[in-house]
C-alpha atoms as a PDB file:
ATOM      1  CA  MET A   1     -22.420 142.841 143.906  1.00  0.00           C
ATOM      2  CA  PRO A   2     -20.256 141.624 141.017  1.00  0.00           C
ATOM      3  CA  GLU A   3     -18.102 144.858 141.911  1.00  0.00           C
ATOM      4  CA  LEU A   4     -17.137 143.228 145.661  1.00  0.00           C
ATOM      5  CA  ASP A   5     -16.293 139.988 143.783  1.00  0.00           C
ATOM      6  CA  LEU A   6     -13.820 141.741 141.273  1.00  0.00           C
ATOM      7  CA  TRP A   7     -12.469 143.684 144.636  1.00  0.00           C
ATOM      8  CA  MET A   8     -11.714 141.093 146.622  1.00  0.00           C
ATOM      9  CA  SER A   9     -10.201 139.128 143.530  1.00  0.00           C
ATOM     10  CA  TRP A  10      -7.602 142.120 143.538  1.00  0.00           C
ATOM     11  CA  ILE A  11      -7.244 141.728 147.059  1.00  0.00           C
ATOM     12  CA  VAL A  12      -6.458 138.235 147.205  1.00  0.00           C
ATOM     13  CA  LEU A  13      -4.114 138.634 144.016  1.00  0.00           C
ATOM     14  CA  PHE A  14      -2.198 141.570 145.211  1.00  0.00           C
ATOM     15  CA  SER A  15      -1.568 139.584 148.443  1.00  0.00           C
ATOM     16  CA  LEU A  16      -0.550 136.604 146.749  1.00  0.00           C
ATOM     17  CA  ALA A  17       2.267 138.492 144.670  1.00  0.00           C
ATOM     18  CA  TRP A  18       3.203 140.354 148.112  1.00  0.00           C
ATOM     19  CA  THR A  19       3.839 137.672 149.968  1.00  0.00           C
ATOM     20  CA  LEU A  20       5.069 134.579 147.533  1.00  0.00           C
ATOM     21  CA  PRO A  21       8.725 136.272 146.656  1.00  0.00           C
ATOM     22  CA  TRP A  22       9.106 136.799 150.167  1.00  0.00           C
ATOM     23  CA  LYS A  23       8.218 133.566 151.423  1.00  0.00           C
ATOM     24  CA  GLY A  24      10.051 131.763 149.209  1.00  0.00           C
ATOM     25  CA  VAL A  25      13.856 133.586 149.878  1.00  0.00           C
ATOM     26  CA  ALA A  26      12.789 133.204 153.811  1.00  0.00           C
ATOM     27  CA  LEU A  27      12.250 129.419 153.331  1.00  0.00           C
ATOM     28  CA  TRP A  28      15.343 129.342 150.939  1.00  0.00           C
ATOM     29  CA  ARG A  29      17.639 131.061 153.803  1.00  0.00           C
ATOM     30  CA  ALA A  30      15.949 128.749 156.489  1.00  0.00           C
ATOM     31  CA  ALA A  31      16.865 125.525 154.980  1.00  0.00           C
ATOM     32  CA  GLY A  32      20.363 126.780 153.696  1.00  0.00           C
ATOM     33  CA  ASN A  33      21.003 127.579 157.534  1.00  0.00           C
ATOM     34  CA  LYS A  34      19.487 124.648 159.002  1.00  0.00           C
ATOM     35  CA  HIS A  35      17.317 126.441 160.858  1.00  0.00           C
ATOM     36  CA  LEU A  36      14.580 123.700 160.782  1.00  0.00           C
ATOM     37  CA  TRP A  37      12.079 125.320 163.420  1.00  0.00           C
ATOM     38  CA  TRP A  38      12.247 128.450 161.449  1.00  0.00           C
ATOM     39  CA  PHE A  39      11.765 126.556 158.370  1.00  0.00           C
ATOM     40  CA  ILE A  40       8.390 124.823 159.524  1.00  0.00           C
ATOM     41  CA  ALA A  41       7.118 128.470 161.387  1.00  0.00           C
ATOM     42  CA  LEU A  42       7.176 130.074 158.214  1.00  0.00           C
ATOM     43  CA  PHE A  43       5.980 127.183 155.784  1.00  0.00           C
ATOM     44  CA  LEU A  44       2.752 126.917 158.695  1.00  0.00           C
ATOM     45  CA  LEU A  45       2.153 130.383 159.287  1.00  0.00           C
ATOM     46  CA  ASN A  46       0.832 132.790 157.011  1.00  0.00           C
ATOM     47  CA  THR A  47       1.648 136.304 158.218  1.00  0.00           C
ATOM     48  CA  LEU A  48       1.156 138.133 154.994  1.00  0.00           C
ATOM     49  CA  ALA A  49       5.090 138.140 154.788  1.00  0.00           C
ATOM     50  CA  ILE A  50       5.816 139.827 158.009  1.00  0.00           C
ATOM     51  CA  LEU A  51       7.376 136.759 160.012  1.00  0.00           C
ATOM     52  CA  ASP A  52       8.950 136.487 156.564  1.00  0.00           C
ATOM     53  CA  ILE A  53      10.626 139.638 156.294  1.00  0.00           C
ATOM     54  CA  ILE A  54      11.670 139.391 159.861  1.00  0.00           C
ATOM     55  CA  TYR A  55      13.523 136.347 159.833  1.00  0.00           C
ATOM     56  CA  ILE A  56      15.152 137.199 156.882  1.00  0.00           C
ATOM     57  CA  PHE A  57      16.708 140.609 158.365  1.00  0.00           C
ATOM     58  CA  ALA A  58      17.297 139.877 161.653  1.00  0.00           C
ATOM     59  CA  PHE A  59      17.886 135.982 161.873  1.00  0.00           C
ATOM     60  CA  SER A  60      19.077 134.306 158.789  1.00  0.00           C
ATOM     61  CA  LYS A  61      22.683 136.537 159.059  1.00  0.00           C
ATOM     62  CA  LYS A  62      25.140 133.881 157.894  1.00  0.00           C
ATOM     63  CA  LYS A  63      27.983 133.476 160.283  1.00  0.00           C
ATOM     64  CA  GLN A  64      31.239 134.560 159.096  1.00  0.00           C
ATOM     65  CA  ALA A  65      33.594 131.646 158.733  1.00  0.00           C
ATOM     66  CA  SER A  66      36.964 132.240 160.906  1.00  0.00           C
ATOM     67  CA  GLN A  67      40.033 132.704 159.025  1.00  0.00           C
ATOM     68  CA  ALA A  68      42.733 130.232 159.468  1.00  0.00           C
ATOM     69  CA  VAL A  69      46.113 131.556 160.379  1.00  0.00           C
END
């Protein structure tokens, strides 16, 4: 039984090490882009960084500022 506890603790540590950086970047970009609903969803939902990665690469692109002529 102690082997199972050790194995589960490694899984938890690995999932935290994987999820926290992605969540941090996604929340930072959502706040910077003023995407309130994305920020709330990313903050509340834990999808092992799947939703965070989708937001970062698909929805957080900043719009190009139009150049003044």
